[in-house]
Amino acid sequence: MPEEGSIKRILIDITAPTDMELNFIAKELLSLEGIKKVKIKVDEVEEDIKHLSVEILGNDLQPEKIEDKILELGLALHGIDELEVEK
């Protein structure tokens, strides 16, 4: 049976309300098991939303748990732009 790799890095595209603090989003994501670092870049700001690129680093990341947390926070997930897996 082949050895499985684990997800070490995910880059996602989300939108958030303009009044939601980036620090709040980062800390909420960091609360998930396996996440060691969260980096958020603001790509664009519109009237009442901002488009964000969120880079998540860690060990054995679980995309479905990350998606659940994003939706729980009231954010919109537009997709996974990059994914990195290591053995």
PDB file of N, CA and C in Angstrom:
ATOM      1  N   MET A   1       0.850  -1.182   0.000  1.00  0.00           N
ATOM      2  CA  MET A   1       0.000   0.000   0.000  1.00  0.00           C
ATOM      3  C   MET A   1       0.894   1.244   0.000  1.00  0.00           C
ATOM      4  N   PRO A   2       0.635   2.223  -0.879  1.00  0.00           N
ATOM      5  CA  PRO A   2       1.482   3.411  -0.931  1.00  0.00           C
ATOM      6  C   PRO A   2       1.339   4.272   0.324  1.00  0.00           C
ATOM      7  N   GLU A   3       2.453   4.904   0.686  1.00  0.00           N
ATOM      8  CA  GLU A   3       2.454   5.792   1.848  1.00  0.00           C
ATOM      9  C   GLU A   3       1.700   7.072   1.490  1.00  0.00           C
ATOM     10  N   GLU A   4       0.811   7.490   2.356  1.00  0.00           N
ATOM     11  CA  GLU A   4       0.040   8.701   2.116  1.00  0.00           C
ATOM     12  C   GLU A   4       0.791   9.919   2.612  1.00  0.00           C
ATOM     13  N   GLY A   5       0.618  11.039   1.912  1.00  0.00           N
ATOM     14  CA  GLY A   5       1.192  12.296   2.353  1.00  0.00           C
ATOM     15  C   GLY A   5       0.183  13.061   3.181  1.00  0.00           C
ATOM     16  N   SER A   6       0.676  14.089   3.845  1.00  0.00           N
ATOM     17  CA  SER A   6      -0.239  14.938   4.604  1.00  0.00           C
ATOM     18  C   SER A   6      -0.179  16.359   4.051  1.00  0.00           C
ATOM     19  N   ILE A   7      -1.283  17.058   4.182  1.00  0.00           N
ATOM     20  CA  ILE A   7      -1.379  18.426   3.671  1.00  0.00           C
ATOM     21  C   ILE A   7      -0.641  19.352   4.633  1.00  0.00           C
ATOM     22  N   LYS A   8       0.335  20.094   4.091  1.00  0.00           N
ATOM     23  CA  LYS A   8       1.150  21.010   4.886  1.00  0.00           C
ATOM     24  C   LYS A   8       0.824  22.481   4.631  1.00  0.00           C
ATOM     25  N   ARG A   9       0.245  22.766   3.455  1.00  0.00           N
ATOM     26  CA  ARG A   9      -0.028  24.163   3.095  1.00  0.00           C
ATOM     27  C   ARG A   9      -1.266  24.231   2.216  1.00  0.00           C
ATOM     28  N   ILE A  10      -2.118  25.214   2.509  1.00  0.00           N
ATOM     29  CA  ILE A  10      -3.314  25.480   1.707  1.00  0.00           C
ATOM     30  C   ILE A  10      -3.395  26.989   1.488  1.00  0.00           C
ATOM     31  N   LEU A  11      -3.683  27.386   0.253  1.00  0.00           N
ATOM     32  CA  LEU A  11      -3.938  28.785  -0.066  1.00  0.00           C
ATOM     33  C   LEU A  11      -5.382  28.864  -0.541  1.00  0.00           C
ATOM     34  N   ILE A  12      -6.189  29.636   0.183  1.00  0.00           N
ATOM     35  CA  ILE A  12      -7.609  29.741  -0.142  1.00  0.00           C
ATOM     36  C   ILE A  12      -7.996  31.181  -0.447  1.00  0.00           C
ATOM     37  N   ASP A  13      -9.063  31.312  -1.205  1.00  0.00           N
ATOM     38  CA  ASP A  13      -9.618  32.602  -1.603  1.00  0.00           C
ATOM     39  C   ASP A  13     -10.960  32.750  -0.895  1.00  0.00           C
ATOM     40  N   ILE A  14     -11.080  33.789  -0.066  1.00  0.00           N
ATOM     41  CA  ILE A  14     -12.324  34.025   0.659  1.00  0.00           C
ATOM     42  C   ILE A  14     -12.725  35.497   0.564  1.00  0.00           C
ATOM     43  N   THR A  15     -13.976  35.764   0.890  1.00  0.00           N
ATOM     44  CA  THR A  15     -14.411  37.150   1.071  1.00  0.00           C
ATOM     45  C   THR A  15     -14.940  37.294   2.491  1.00  0.00           C
ATOM     46  N   ALA A  16     -14.740  38.502   3.022  1.00  0.00           N
ATOM     47  CA  ALA A  16     -15.152  38.817   4.390  1.00  0.00           C
ATOM     48  C   ALA A  16     -15.766  40.210   4.407  1.00  0.00           C
ATOM     49  N   PRO A  17     -16.631  40.475   5.382  1.00  0.00           N
ATOM     50  CA  PRO A  17     -17.143  41.844   5.531  1.00  0.00           C
ATOM     51  C   PRO A  17     -15.984  42.798   5.819  1.00  0.00           C
ATOM     52  N   THR A  18     -16.072  44.014   5.312  1.00  0.00           N
ATOM     53  CA  THR A  18     -14.972  44.964   5.504  1.00  0.00           C
ATOM     54  C   THR A  18     -14.733  45.296   6.975  1.00  0.00           C
ATOM     55  N   ASP A  19     -15.751  45.157   7.806  1.00  0.00           N
ATOM     56  CA  ASP A  19     -15.575  45.488   9.221  1.00  0.00           C
ATOM     57  C   ASP A  19     -15.015  44.327  10.055  1.00  0.00           C
ATOM     58  N   MET A  20     -14.778  43.166   9.446  1.00  0.00           N
ATOM     59  CA  MET A  20     -14.221  42.036  10.193  1.00  0.00           C
ATOM     60  C   MET A  20     -12.692  42.156  10.210  1.00  0.00           C
ATOM     61  N   GLU A  21     -12.125  42.125  11.413  1.00  0.00           N
ATOM     62  CA  GLU A  21     -10.691  42.275  11.580  1.00  0.00           C
ATOM     63  C   GLU A  21      -9.930  41.040  11.091  1.00  0.00           C
ATOM     64  N   LEU A  22      -8.834  41.278  10.394  1.00  0.00           N
ATOM     65  CA  LEU A  22      -7.997  40.173   9.913  1.00  0.00           C
ATOM     66  C   LEU A  22      -7.430  39.362  11.067  1.00  0.00           C
ATOM     67  N   ASN A  23      -7.085  40.046  12.146  1.00  0.00           N
ATOM     68  CA  ASN A  23      -6.545  39.378  13.325  1.00  0.00           C
ATOM     69  C   ASN A  23      -7.543  38.367  13.899  1.00  0.00           C
ATOM     70  N   PHE A  24      -8.811  38.727  13.897  1.00  0.00           N
ATOM     71  CA  PHE A  24      -9.858  37.832  14.383  1.00  0.00           C
ATOM     72  C   PHE A  24      -9.926  36.573  13.521  1.00  0.00           C
ATOM     73  N   ILE A  25      -9.922  36.761  12.195  1.00  0.00           N
ATOM     74  CA  ILE A  25      -9.979  35.615  11.278  1.00  0.00           C
ATOM     75  C   ILE A  25      -8.776  34.705  11.498  1.00  0.00           C
ATOM     76  N   ALA A  26      -7.595  35.288  11.571  1.00  0.00           N
ATOM     77  CA  ALA A  26      -6.361  34.506  11.753  1.00  0.00           C
ATOM     78  C   ALA A  26      -6.390  33.704  13.052  1.00  0.00           C
ATOM     79  N   LYS A  27      -6.790  34.339  14.142  1.00  0.00           N
ATOM     80  CA  LYS A  27      -6.827  33.645  15.438  1.00  0.00           C
ATOM     81  C   LYS A  27      -7.858  32.523  15.451  1.00  0.00           C
ATOM     82  N   GLU A  28      -8.997  32.739  14.815  1.00  0.00           N
ATOM     83  CA  GLU A  28     -10.015  31.693  14.746  1.00  0.00           C
ATOM     84  C   GLU A  28      -9.492  30.482  13.965  1.00  0.00           C
ATOM     85  N   LEU A  29      -8.807  30.721  12.859  1.00  0.00           N
ATOM     86  CA  LEU A  29      -8.244  29.618  12.082  1.00  0.00           C
ATOM     87  C   LEU A  29      -7.128  28.917  12.861  1.00  0.00           C
ATOM     88  N   LEU A  30      -6.323  29.688  13.579  1.00  0.00           N
ATOM     89  CA  LEU A  30      -5.245  29.097  14.386  1.00  0.00           C
ATOM     90  C   LEU A  30      -5.773  28.197  15.492  1.00  0.00           C
ATOM     91  N   SER A  31      -7.022  28.359  15.864  1.00  0.00           N
ATOM     92  CA  SER A  31      -7.593  27.530  16.924  1.00  0.00           C
ATOM     93  C   SER A  31      -7.830  26.088  16.465  1.00  0.00           C
ATOM     94  N   LEU A  32      -7.786  25.862  15.147  1.00  0.00           N
ATOM     95  CA  LEU A  32      -8.005  24.513  14.627  1.00  0.00           C
ATOM     96  C   LEU A  32      -6.756  23.646  14.816  1.00  0.00           C
ATOM     97  N   GLU A  33      -6.986  22.374  15.081  1.00  0.00           N
ATOM     98  CA  GLU A  33      -5.902  21.421  15.289  1.00  0.00           C
ATOM     99  C   GLU A  33      -5.025  21.318  14.045  1.00  0.00           C
ATOM    100  N   GLY A  34      -3.713  21.333  14.253  1.00  0.00           N
ATOM    101  CA  GLY A  34      -2.750  21.146  13.173  1.00  0.00           C
ATOM    102  C   GLY A  34      -2.283  22.420  12.498  1.00  0.00           C
ATOM    103  N   ILE A  35      -2.999  23.531  12.705  1.00  0.00           N
ATOM    104  CA  ILE A  35      -2.603  24.782  12.056  1.00  0.00           C
ATOM    105  C   ILE A  35      -1.547  25.476  12.902  1.00  0.00           C
ATOM    106  N   LYS A  36      -0.416  25.798  12.254  1.00  0.00           N
ATOM    107  CA  LYS A  36       0.714  26.430  12.937  1.00  0.00           C
ATOM    108  C   LYS A  36       0.890  27.902  12.561  1.00  0.00           C
ATOM    109  N   LYS A  37       0.424  28.274  11.352  1.00  0.00           N
ATOM    110  CA  LYS A  37       0.624  29.643  10.888  1.00  0.00           C
ATOM    111  C   LYS A  37      -0.480  30.023   9.921  1.00  0.00           C
ATOM    112  N   VAL A  38      -0.962  31.266  10.025  1.00  0.00           N
ATOM    113  CA  VAL A  38      -1.959  31.802   9.116  1.00  0.00           C
ATOM    114  C   VAL A  38      -1.457  33.155   8.610  1.00  0.00           C
ATOM    115  N   LYS A  39      -1.461  33.311   7.293  1.00  0.00           N
ATOM    116  CA  LYS A  39      -1.027  34.563   6.672  1.00  0.00           C
ATOM    117  C   LYS A  39      -2.173  35.038   5.787  1.00  0.00           C
ATOM    118  N   ILE A  40      -2.615  36.287   5.993  1.00  0.00           N
ATOM    119  CA  ILE A  40      -3.748  36.829   5.239  1.00  0.00           C
ATOM    120  C   ILE A  40      -3.298  38.045   4.437  1.00  0.00           C
ATOM    121  N   LYS A  41      -3.652  38.051   3.163  1.00  0.00           N
ATOM    122  CA  LYS A  41      -3.351  39.170   2.273  1.00  0.00           C
ATOM    123  C   LYS A  41      -4.665  39.712   1.722  1.00  0.00           C
ATOM    124  N   VAL A  42      -4.847  41.019   1.811  1.00  0.00           N
ATOM    125  CA  VAL A  42      -6.031  41.662   1.242  1.00  0.00           C
ATOM    126  C   VAL A  42      -5.756  41.905  -0.239  1.00  0.00           C
ATOM    127  N   ASP A  43      -6.549  41.280  -1.098  1.00  0.00           N
ATOM    128  CA  ASP A  43      -6.376  41.420  -2.541  1.00  0.00           C
ATOM    129  C   ASP A  43      -7.161  42.597  -3.101  1.00  0.00           C
ATOM    130  N   GLU A  44      -8.342  42.837  -2.539  1.00  0.00           N
ATOM    131  CA  GLU A  44      -9.211  43.901  -3.050  1.00  0.00           C
ATOM    132  C   GLU A  44     -10.242  44.252  -1.988  1.00  0.00           C
ATOM    133  N   VAL A  45     -10.604  45.533  -1.939  1.00  0.00           N
ATOM    134  CA  VAL A  45     -11.651  45.982  -1.019  1.00  0.00           C
ATOM    135  C   VAL A  45     -12.746  46.649  -1.849  1.00  0.00           C
ATOM    136  N   GLU A  46     -13.962  46.170  -1.659  1.00  0.00           N
ATOM    137  CA  GLU A  46     -15.121  46.778  -2.302  1.00  0.00           C
ATOM    138  C   GLU A  46     -15.912  47.502  -1.219  1.00  0.00           C
ATOM    139  N   GLU A  47     -17.081  47.964  -1.560  1.00  0.00           N
ATOM    140  CA  GLU A  47     -17.862  48.770  -0.631  1.00  0.00           C
ATOM    141  C   GLU A  47     -18.072  48.102   0.726  1.00  0.00           C
ATOM    142  N   ASP A  48     -18.526  46.851   0.740  1.00  0.00           N
ATOM    143  CA  ASP A  48     -18.795  46.211   2.020  1.00  0.00           C
ATOM    144  C   ASP A  48     -18.160  44.830   2.175  1.00  0.00           C
ATOM    145  N   ILE A  49     -17.287  44.441   1.243  1.00  0.00           N
ATOM    146  CA  ILE A  49     -16.556  43.174   1.391  1.00  0.00           C
ATOM    147  C   ILE A  49     -15.098  43.355   0.980  1.00  0.00           C
ATOM    148  N   LYS A  50     -14.268  42.471   1.529  1.00  0.00           N
ATOM    149  CA  LYS A  50     -12.874  42.446   1.105  1.00  0.00           C
ATOM    150  C   LYS A  50     -12.523  41.033   0.648  1.00  0.00           C
ATOM    151  N   HIS A  51     -11.728  40.971  -0.405  1.00  0.00           N
ATOM    152  CA  HIS A  51     -11.287  39.706  -0.976  1.00  0.00           C
ATOM    153  C   HIS A  51      -9.926  39.374  -0.366  1.00  0.00           C
ATOM    154  N   LEU A  52      -9.807  38.172   0.184  1.00  0.00           N
ATOM    155  CA  LEU A  52      -8.604  37.787   0.905  1.00  0.00           C
ATOM    156  C   LEU A  52      -7.989  36.517   0.346  1.00  0.00           C
ATOM    157  N   SER A  53      -6.662  36.479   0.336  1.00  0.00           N
ATOM    158  CA  SER A  53      -5.913  35.252   0.094  1.00  0.00           C
ATOM    159  C   SER A  53      -5.393  34.814   1.448  1.00  0.00           C
ATOM    160  N   VAL A  54      -5.727  33.597   1.852  1.00  0.00           N
ATOM    161  CA  VAL A  54      -5.355  33.100   3.174  1.00  0.00           C
ATOM    162  C   VAL A  54      -4.456  31.884   2.994  1.00  0.00           C
ATOM    163  N   GLU A  55      -3.221  32.013   3.483  1.00  0.00           N
ATOM    164  CA  GLU A  55      -2.263  30.910   3.440  1.00  0.00           C
ATOM    165  C   GLU A  55      -2.235  30.251   4.810  1.00  0.00           C
ATOM    166  N   ILE A  56      -2.440  28.944   4.837  1.00  0.00           N
ATOM    167  CA  ILE A  56      -2.486  28.191   6.090  1.00  0.00           C
ATOM    168  C   ILE A  56      -1.396  27.131   6.038  1.00  0.00           C
ATOM    169  N   LEU A  57      -0.546  27.135   7.072  1.00  0.00           N
ATOM    170  CA  LEU A  57       0.546  26.169   7.166  1.00  0.00           C
ATOM    171  C   LEU A  57       0.372  25.335   8.418  1.00  0.00           C
ATOM    172  N   GLY A  58       0.756  24.062   8.333  1.00  0.00           N
ATOM    173  CA  GLY A  58       0.660  23.213   9.513  1.00  0.00           C
ATOM    174  C   GLY A  58       0.972  21.773   9.189  1.00  0.00           C
ATOM    175  N   ASN A  59       0.519  20.899  10.046  1.00  0.00           N
ATOM    176  CA  ASN A  59       0.746  19.467   9.900  1.00  0.00           C
ATOM    177  C   ASN A  59      -0.591  18.761   9.749  1.00  0.00           C
ATOM    178  N   ASP A  60      -0.700  17.967   8.704  1.00  0.00           N
ATOM    179  CA  ASP A  60      -1.901  17.179   8.464  1.00  0.00           C
ATOM    180  C   ASP A  60      -3.158  18.051   8.486  1.00  0.00           C
ATOM    181  N   LEU A  61      -3.138  19.107   7.681  1.00  0.00           N
ATOM    182  CA  LEU A  61      -4.279  20.030   7.613  1.00  0.00           C
ATOM    183  C   LEU A  61      -5.506  19.312   7.073  1.00  0.00           C
ATOM    184  N   GLN A  62      -6.660  19.696   7.588  1.00  0.00           N
ATOM    185  CA  GLN A  62      -7.941  19.089   7.213  1.00  0.00           C
ATOM    186  C   GLN A  62      -8.795  20.138   6.491  1.00  0.00           C
ATOM    187  N   PRO A  63      -8.786  20.140   5.146  1.00  0.00           N
ATOM    188  CA  PRO A  63      -9.536  21.167   4.397  1.00  0.00           C
ATOM    189  C   PRO A  63     -11.008  21.276   4.788  1.00  0.00           C
ATOM    190  N   GLU A  64     -11.642  20.142   5.101  1.00  0.00           N
ATOM    191  CA  GLU A  64     -13.067  20.200   5.443  1.00  0.00           C
ATOM    192  C   GLU A  64     -13.295  20.915   6.773  1.00  0.00           C
ATOM    193  N   LYS A  65     -12.383  20.776   7.727  1.00  0.00           N
ATOM    194  CA  LYS A  65     -12.517  21.482   9.008  1.00  0.00           C
ATOM    195  C   LYS A  65     -12.250  22.973   8.826  1.00  0.00           C
ATOM    196  N   ILE A  66     -11.309  23.295   7.956  1.00  0.00           N
ATOM    197  CA  ILE A  66     -11.016  24.700   7.652  1.00  0.00           C
ATOM    198  C   ILE A  66     -12.239  25.333   6.985  1.00  0.00           C
ATOM    199  N   GLU A  67     -12.829  24.630   6.034  1.00  0.00           N
ATOM    200  CA  GLU A  67     -14.037  25.133   5.360  1.00  0.00           C
ATOM    201  C   GLU A  67     -15.176  25.329   6.350  1.00  0.00           C
ATOM    202  N   ASP A  68     -15.368  24.380   7.260  1.00  0.00           N
ATOM    203  CA  ASP A  68     -16.423  24.505   8.273  1.00  0.00           C
ATOM    204  C   ASP A  68     -16.215  25.755   9.131  1.00  0.00           C
ATOM    205  N   LYS A  69     -14.965  26.004   9.534  1.00  0.00           N
ATOM    206  CA  LYS A  69     -14.666  27.172  10.377  1.00  0.00           C
ATOM    207  C   LYS A  69     -14.931  28.462   9.603  1.00  0.00           C
ATOM    208  N   ILE A  70     -14.543  28.504   8.332  1.00  0.00           N
ATOM    209  CA  ILE A  70     -14.763  29.688   7.504  1.00  0.00           C
ATOM    210  C   ILE A  70     -16.258  29.989   7.400  1.00  0.00           C
ATOM    211  N   LEU A  71     -17.047  28.961   7.148  1.00  0.00           N
ATOM    212  CA  LEU A  71     -18.498  29.157   7.039  1.00  0.00           C
ATOM    213  C   LEU A  71     -19.107  29.547   8.382  1.00  0.00           C
ATOM    214  N   GLU A  72     -18.600  28.959   9.473  1.00  0.00           N
ATOM    215  CA  GLU A  72     -19.076  29.305  10.823  1.00  0.00           C
ATOM    216  C   GLU A  72     -18.835  30.783  11.133  1.00  0.00           C
ATOM    217  N   LEU A  73     -17.746  31.341  10.596  1.00  0.00           N
ATOM    218  CA  LEU A  73     -17.417  32.748  10.821  1.00  0.00           C
ATOM    219  C   LEU A  73     -18.231  33.693   9.930  1.00  0.00           C
ATOM    220  N   GLY A  74     -19.025  33.122   9.015  1.00  0.00           N
ATOM    221  CA  GLY A  74     -19.826  33.948   8.123  1.00  0.00           C
ATOM    222  C   GLY A  74     -19.057  34.441   6.911  1.00  0.00           C
ATOM    223  N   LEU A  75     -17.951  33.790   6.592  1.00  0.00           N
ATOM    224  CA  LEU A  75     -17.137  34.154   5.444  1.00  0.00           C
ATOM    225  C   LEU A  75     -17.556  33.308   4.248  1.00  0.00           C
ATOM    226  N   ALA A  76     -17.205  33.760   3.060  1.00  0.00           N
ATOM    227  CA  ALA A  76     -17.506  33.004   1.841  1.00  0.00           C
ATOM    228  C   ALA A  76     -16.218  32.417   1.283  1.00  0.00           C
ATOM    229  N   LEU A  77     -16.196  31.109   1.103  1.00  0.00           N
ATOM    230  CA  LEU A  77     -15.051  30.415   0.528  1.00  0.00           C
ATOM    231  C   LEU A  77     -15.254  30.316  -0.978  1.00  0.00           C
ATOM    232  N   HIS A  78     -14.292  30.838  -1.731  1.00  0.00           N
ATOM    233  CA  HIS A  78     -14.402  30.813  -3.191  1.00  0.00           C
ATOM    234  C   HIS A  78     -13.587  29.695  -3.811  1.00  0.00           C
ATOM    235  N   GLY A  79     -12.678  29.118  -3.048  1.00  0.00           N
ATOM    236  CA  GLY A  79     -11.941  27.988  -3.577  1.00  0.00           C
ATOM    237  C   GLY A  79     -10.563  27.841  -2.977  1.00  0.00           C
ATOM    238  N   ILE A  80     -10.006  26.655  -3.204  1.00  0.00           N
ATOM    239  CA  ILE A  80      -8.625  26.376  -2.811  1.00  0.00           C
ATOM    240  C   ILE A  80      -7.777  26.667  -4.038  1.00  0.00           C
ATOM    241  N   ASP A  81      -6.860  27.629  -3.926  1.00  0.00           N
ATOM    242  CA  ASP A  81      -6.021  28.020  -5.051  1.00  0.00           C
ATOM    243  C   ASP A  81      -4.747  27.188  -5.135  1.00  0.00           C
ATOM    244  N   GLU A  82      -4.224  26.764  -3.977  1.00  0.00           N
ATOM    245  CA  GLU A  82      -3.010  25.950  -3.948  1.00  0.00           C
ATOM    246  C   GLU A  82      -3.095  24.986  -2.786  1.00  0.00           C
ATOM    247  N   LEU A  83      -2.444  23.841  -2.954  1.00  0.00           N
ATOM    248  CA  LEU A  83      -2.420  22.824  -1.914  1.00  0.00           C
ATOM    249  C   LEU A  83      -1.066  22.139  -1.988  1.00  0.00           C
ATOM    250  N   GLU A  84      -0.416  21.949  -0.849  1.00  0.00           N
ATOM    251  CA  GLU A  84       0.897  21.317  -0.792  1.00  0.00           C
ATOM    252  C   GLU A  84       0.848  20.116   0.119  1.00  0.00           C
ATOM    253  N   VAL A  85       1.326  18.982  -0.388  1.00  0.00           N
ATOM    254  CA  VAL A  85       1.306  17.730   0.358  1.00  0.00           C
ATOM    255  C   VAL A  85       2.734  17.200   0.457  1.00  0.00           C
ATOM    256  N   GLU A  86       3.101  16.669   1.631  1.00  0.00           N
ATOM    257  CA  GLU A  86       4.413  16.071   1.849  1.00  0.00           C
ATOM    258  C   GLU A  86       4.265  14.728   2.507  1.00  0.00           C
ATOM    259  N   LYS A  87       5.252  13.880   2.277  1.00  0.00           N
ATOM    260  CA  LYS A  87       5.317  12.582   2.976  1.00  0.00           C
ATOM    261  C   LYS A  87       6.013  12.763   4.296  1.00  0.00           C
TER     262      LYS A  87
END
